Amino acid sequence: MALLILTFIIATFITFIAYILLARRERFKMREKIGLSGPEPHWFFGNLKEIVERKEKLGYDDSNEWFNVLHKKYGDKFVIYFGAQMNIVLSDEEDIKEVFIKNFSNFSDRIVPPIFSENRLNSSLLQNRYENGWKHTRSAIAPIFSTGKMKAMHETIASKIDIFLEILKEKSEEIGGGGGGKWDIYEDFQGLTLDVIGKCAFAIDSNCQRDRNDVFYVNARKFISNIDIRHSKVISSSFILPELGWLWRMMYKYTELAAAEIPLVEGLSDV
């Protein structure tokens, strides 16, 4: 009896693996069927392997630079694979208008890690993906970006940019000193972005640009890091093997993703 059960388990496992590999092979063929090209995907990881390797090698995310190189090589439309998920990258202005404006109802879903279907992030403003949910969210937030509202935010944004320019001047004098010194400006831009969002969206007078221990800055970075495909093995794995939905349900309960939904809110309550 035990041997029979073991044989059944092994046979089921082999069948499941064969199904995944065959299904993935067909997904990878889809690119050519629709007449597009792109970087050659790994047989199992898709292009995620290259994305992660580039991040680890360079120490930062160079997606924008890499995509520009790919556009020059493959044209204004190309395909990359997040695991088994095919994604079409566009750069032509008319194609982008077609997706975001003219036929938005046909392109409303957004890329969301499969594991997020197991938590509340899937229906949140940050990760809302399904057609009705995202269309509703987009309609709700559109008035925020009206001409009148943008004019009202202008003074606030300008004041934050003034601080940003002061910091750049101070650092250029301190680090540069006429000797051609340089520094990574990425974190400075992050501080500027969070200060603007904090004030305009949450009415929070944060000091993210000058204080890297500011509670809004710390918790916002923690939140983004926890849901970033390049930082989380669980999220990247859910892209690679979306078929293992039951496993992601279990892992969600025992990983940092269980806490990833609330640190930003906890931080805001302390401000």
Protein backbone atom coordinates (compact mmCIF):
# COMPACT_ATOMS: atom_id res chain seq x y z
CA MET A 1 0.00 0.00 0.00
CA ALA A 2 2.78 2.42 0.96
CA LEU A 3 4.60 1.64 -2.30
CA LEU A 4 1.43 2.31 -4.26
CA ILE A 5 0.94 5.70 -2.58
CA LEU A 6 4.58 6.62 -3.15
CA THR A 7 4.32 5.64 -6.81
CA PHE A 8 1.17 7.74 -7.18
CA ILE A 9 2.87 10.77 -5.59
CA ILE A 10 5.93 10.46 -7.81
CA ALA A 11 3.81 10.01 -10.93
CA THR A 12 1.69 13.03 -10.00
CA PHE A 13 4.80 15.14 -9.39
CA ILE A 14 6.38 14.14 -12.71
CA THR A 15 3.10 14.84 -14.54
CA PHE A 16 2.82 18.24 -12.89
CA ILE A 17 6.39 19.20 -13.82
CA ALA A 18 5.86 18.02 -17.39
CA TYR A 19 2.68 20.11 -17.58
CA ILE A 20 4.49 23.23 -16.33
CA LEU A 21 7.35 22.82 -18.79
CA LEU A 22 5.09 22.17 -21.77
CA ALA A 23 2.78 25.06 -20.87
CA ARG A 24 5.78 27.37 -20.46
CA ARG A 25 7.18 26.27 -23.81
CA GLU A 26 3.91 27.23 -25.48
CA ARG A 27 3.89 30.59 -23.68
CA PHE A 28 7.39 31.34 -24.94
CA LYS A 29 6.26 30.53 -28.49
CA MET A 30 3.46 33.08 -28.21
CA ARG A 31 5.92 35.93 -28.78
CA GLU A 32 6.75 34.75 -32.28
CA LYS A 33 3.10 33.94 -33.03
CA ILE A 34 2.11 37.60 -32.54
CA GLY A 35 5.09 38.79 -34.59
CA LEU A 36 7.26 40.27 -31.82
CA SER A 37 10.78 39.57 -30.60
CA GLY A 38 12.85 40.30 -27.51
CA PRO A 39 15.69 38.98 -25.36
CA GLU A 40 15.82 35.19 -25.27
CA PRO A 41 14.05 33.92 -22.13
CA HIS A 42 15.53 31.33 -19.81
CA TRP A 43 13.63 28.05 -20.16
CA PHE A 44 12.40 28.29 -16.56
CA PHE A 45 12.92 31.84 -15.24
CA GLY A 46 12.06 33.76 -18.38
CA ASN A 47 13.89 37.11 -18.38
CA LEU A 48 13.67 37.43 -14.58
CA LYS A 49 17.06 35.76 -14.29
CA GLU A 50 18.73 38.48 -16.34
CA ILE A 51 16.86 41.26 -14.53
CA VAL A 52 17.97 40.01 -11.10
CA GLU A 53 21.54 39.36 -12.27
CA ARG A 54 21.85 42.89 -13.66
CA LYS A 55 20.56 44.35 -10.40
CA GLU A 56 23.04 42.31 -8.34
CA LYS A 57 25.97 43.13 -10.64
CA LEU A 58 25.33 46.87 -10.90
CA GLY A 59 23.97 47.42 -7.40
CA TYR A 60 20.98 49.38 -8.71
CA ASP A 61 18.01 48.97 -11.02
CA ASP A 62 18.96 49.97 -14.58
CA SER A 63 15.66 48.93 -16.20
CA ASN A 64 15.26 52.25 -18.02
CA GLU A 65 18.73 52.06 -19.58
CA TRP A 66 18.33 48.37 -20.38
CA PHE A 67 14.92 48.89 -21.99
CA ASN A 68 16.36 51.67 -24.16
CA VAL A 69 19.02 49.25 -25.38
CA LEU A 70 16.36 46.60 -26.06
CA HIS A 71 14.21 49.10 -27.97
CA LYS A 72 17.14 49.94 -30.24
CA LYS A 73 17.75 46.24 -30.84
CA TYR A 74 14.17 44.95 -31.18
CA GLY A 75 12.16 48.02 -32.19
CA ASP A 76 9.45 50.08 -30.48
CA LYS A 77 7.65 46.90 -29.31
CA PHE A 78 9.31 43.91 -27.68
CA VAL A 79 8.48 41.14 -25.23
CA ILE A 80 10.03 40.18 -21.92
CA TYR A 81 8.92 37.32 -19.67
CA PHE A 82 8.48 37.56 -15.90
CA GLY A 83 8.69 33.84 -15.32
CA ALA A 84 5.93 32.48 -17.54
CA GLN A 85 4.12 35.82 -17.81
CA MET A 86 4.53 37.58 -21.15
CA ASN A 87 4.83 41.38 -21.06
CA ILE A 88 4.85 43.67 -24.09
CA VAL A 89 6.97 46.81 -23.68
CA LEU A 90 5.96 49.82 -25.80
CA SER A 91 7.74 53.05 -26.65
CA ASP A 92 5.73 54.37 -29.62
CA GLU A 93 3.54 57.30 -28.58
CA GLU A 94 0.52 56.19 -30.59
CA ASP A 95 0.67 52.66 -29.14
CA ILE A 96 0.83 54.08 -25.63
CA LYS A 97 -2.20 56.31 -26.31
CA GLU A 98 -4.03 53.26 -27.65
CA VAL A 99 -3.43 51.38 -24.38
CA PHE A 100 -3.99 54.19 -21.87
CA ILE A 101 -6.68 56.24 -23.62
CA LYS A 102 -8.39 54.98 -26.77
CA ASN A 103 -8.84 51.33 -25.76
CA PHE A 104 -8.15 51.49 -22.05
CA SER A 105 -11.09 49.17 -21.31
CA ASN A 106 -9.21 46.39 -23.11
CA PHE A 107 -5.90 47.00 -21.31
CA SER A 108 -6.98 47.83 -17.78
CA ASP A 109 -5.25 45.00 -15.91
CA ARG A 110 -1.83 45.76 -14.43
CA ILE A 111 1.08 43.45 -13.62
CA VAL A 112 0.62 42.12 -10.10
CA PRO A 113 2.64 39.28 -8.51
CA PRO A 114 0.45 36.15 -8.24
CA ILE A 115 1.08 35.97 -4.50
CA PHE A 116 -0.73 39.30 -4.05
CA SER A 117 -3.98 37.53 -4.88
CA GLU A 118 -3.67 36.14 -1.36
CA ASN A 119 -3.58 39.49 0.47
CA ARG A 120 -5.36 42.83 0.60
CA LEU A 121 -2.77 44.54 -1.61
CA ASN A 122 -4.52 43.03 -4.62
CA SER A 123 -7.47 45.37 -4.15
CA SER A 124 -5.50 48.40 -2.96
CA LEU A 125 -4.65 51.57 -4.84
CA LEU A 126 -1.03 50.41 -5.21
CA GLN A 127 -1.73 46.98 -6.67
CA ASN A 128 -5.31 47.05 -7.94
CA ARG A 129 -5.36 44.94 -11.09
CA TYR A 130 -8.79 43.74 -12.11
CA GLU A 131 -10.70 45.63 -14.78
CA ASN A 132 -13.57 47.02 -12.73
CA GLY A 133 -11.41 47.75 -9.69
CA TRP A 134 -8.67 49.56 -11.57
CA LYS A 135 -11.12 51.46 -13.79
CA HIS A 136 -12.99 52.60 -10.68
CA THR A 137 -9.75 53.63 -8.97
CA ARG A 138 -8.52 55.48 -12.05
CA SER A 139 -11.82 57.37 -12.34
CA ALA A 140 -11.73 58.25 -8.64
CA ILE A 141 -8.20 59.68 -8.65
CA ALA A 142 -8.36 61.41 -12.06
CA PRO A 143 -9.92 64.64 -10.62
CA ILE A 144 -6.89 65.01 -8.34
CA PHE A 145 -4.80 65.84 -11.39
CA SER A 146 -7.08 68.52 -12.81
CA THR A 147 -5.51 71.81 -13.84
CA GLY A 148 -6.90 73.61 -10.80
CA LYS A 149 -5.63 71.00 -8.34
CA MET A 150 -2.20 70.94 -9.96
CA LYS A 151 -1.98 74.73 -9.72
CA ALA A 152 -2.89 74.52 -6.03
CA MET A 153 -0.05 72.04 -5.46
CA HIS A 154 2.47 74.10 -7.40
CA GLU A 155 3.69 76.20 -4.47
CA THR A 156 4.12 73.13 -2.25
CA ILE A 157 6.03 71.22 -4.92
CA ALA A 158 8.21 74.27 -5.67
CA SER A 159 9.14 74.63 -1.98
CA LYS A 160 10.22 70.97 -1.82
CA ILE A 161 12.26 71.38 -4.99
CA ASP A 162 13.99 74.41 -3.45
CA ILE A 163 15.13 72.18 -0.56
CA PHE A 164 16.27 69.58 -3.10
CA LEU A 165 18.38 72.18 -4.95
CA GLU A 166 19.89 73.39 -1.68
CA ILE A 167 20.93 69.83 -0.85
CA LEU A 168 22.48 69.35 -4.29
CA LYS A 169 24.42 72.59 -3.89
CA GLU A 170 25.67 71.59 -0.43
CA LYS A 171 26.74 68.13 -1.60
CA SER A 172 28.41 69.46 -4.73
CA GLU A 173 30.47 71.86 -2.62
CA GLU A 174 31.27 69.20 -0.02
CA ILE A 175 31.96 66.24 -2.32
CA GLY A 176 32.91 67.98 -5.53
CA GLY A 177 35.24 70.68 -4.26
CA GLY A 178 36.29 71.41 -7.83
CA GLY A 179 37.86 67.96 -8.07
CA GLY A 180 35.15 66.28 -10.11
CA GLY A 181 33.67 64.26 -7.24
CA LYS A 182 30.34 62.49 -7.72
CA TRP A 183 27.60 60.82 -5.68
CA ASP A 184 24.49 58.70 -6.26
CA ILE A 185 21.57 61.11 -6.50
CA TYR A 186 18.93 58.36 -6.38
CA GLU A 187 18.20 58.64 -2.64
CA ASP A 188 17.98 62.41 -2.92
CA PHE A 189 15.30 62.04 -5.56
CA GLN A 190 13.50 59.51 -3.35
CA GLY A 191 13.47 62.02 -0.50
CA LEU A 192 12.08 64.72 -2.80
CA THR A 193 9.37 62.40 -4.12
CA LEU A 194 8.27 61.32 -0.64
CA ASP A 195 8.22 64.89 0.68
CA VAL A 196 5.97 65.93 -2.21
CA ILE A 197 3.68 62.90 -1.83
CA GLY A 198 3.56 63.30 1.94
CA LYS A 199 2.48 66.93 1.78
CA CYS A 200 0.21 66.83 -1.28
CA ALA A 201 -1.48 63.48 -0.66
CA PHE A 202 -1.38 63.07 3.14
CA ALA A 203 -0.86 66.63 4.43
CA ILE A 204 2.26 65.40 6.25
CA ASP A 205 5.17 67.80 6.80
CA SER A 206 7.83 65.13 6.42
CA ASN A 207 11.55 65.83 6.27
CA CYS A 208 12.60 62.93 4.04
CA GLN A 209 15.18 64.94 2.12
CA ARG A 210 17.27 65.89 5.12
CA ASP A 211 16.40 63.17 7.60
CA ARG A 212 16.90 59.58 6.45
CA ASN A 213 15.39 58.44 9.77
CA ASP A 214 12.13 60.27 9.13
CA VAL A 215 9.34 57.80 9.94
CA PHE A 216 7.58 58.41 6.61
CA TYR A 217 10.80 57.84 4.65
CA VAL A 218 11.82 54.70 6.59
CA ASN A 219 8.43 53.00 6.36
CA ALA A 220 7.80 53.96 2.74
CA ARG A 221 11.15 52.44 1.68
CA LYS A 222 10.46 49.34 3.78
CA PHE A 223 7.07 48.92 2.14
CA ILE A 224 8.37 49.35 -1.42
CA SER A 225 11.29 47.00 -0.76
CA ASN A 226 8.95 44.29 0.50
CA ILE A 227 6.84 44.35 -2.67
CA ASP A 228 9.74 44.76 -5.13
CA ILE A 229 10.31 41.76 -7.40
CA ARG A 230 14.08 42.38 -7.32
CA HIS A 231 14.25 42.24 -3.51
CA SER A 232 11.80 39.51 -2.57
CA LYS A 233 12.50 35.87 -3.42
CA VAL A 234 8.89 35.00 -2.61
CA ILE A 235 7.47 37.50 -5.10
CA SER A 236 9.85 36.52 -7.90
CA SER A 237 9.12 32.83 -7.20
CA SER A 238 5.38 33.44 -7.49
CA PHE A 239 6.00 34.84 -10.98
CA ILE A 240 8.14 31.84 -11.93
CA LEU A 241 5.65 29.26 -10.64
CA PRO A 242 2.17 30.84 -10.59
CA GLU A 243 0.74 27.31 -10.74
CA LEU A 244 1.67 26.79 -7.08
CA GLY A 245 -1.07 29.04 -5.73
CA TRP A 246 -1.54 26.86 -2.64
CA LEU A 247 2.14 27.28 -1.76
CA TRP A 248 1.95 31.08 -2.02
CA ARG A 249 -1.05 31.05 0.32
CA MET A 250 1.01 29.19 2.90
CA MET A 251 4.15 31.31 2.44
CA TYR A 252 2.18 34.54 2.65
CA LYS A 253 1.28 33.67 6.23
CA TYR A 254 4.90 33.09 7.27
CA THR A 255 6.91 35.71 5.38
CA GLU A 256 7.54 39.44 5.46
CA LEU A 257 4.63 39.91 3.05
CA ALA A 258 2.23 39.46 5.94
CA ALA A 259 3.73 42.62 7.43
CA ALA A 260 4.26 44.42 4.13
CA GLU A 261 0.66 45.62 4.01
CA ILE A 262 0.83 47.74 7.17
CA PRO A 263 4.24 49.29 7.94
CA LEU A 264 3.49 52.48 6.02
CA VAL A 265 0.17 52.89 7.81
CA GLU A 266 1.81 52.22 11.16
CA GLY A 267 4.43 54.84 10.38
CA LEU A 268 1.82 57.40 9.40
CA SER A 269 -0.03 56.92 12.67
CA ASP A 270 3.10 58.02 14.52
CA VAL A 271 3.52 61.25 12.55
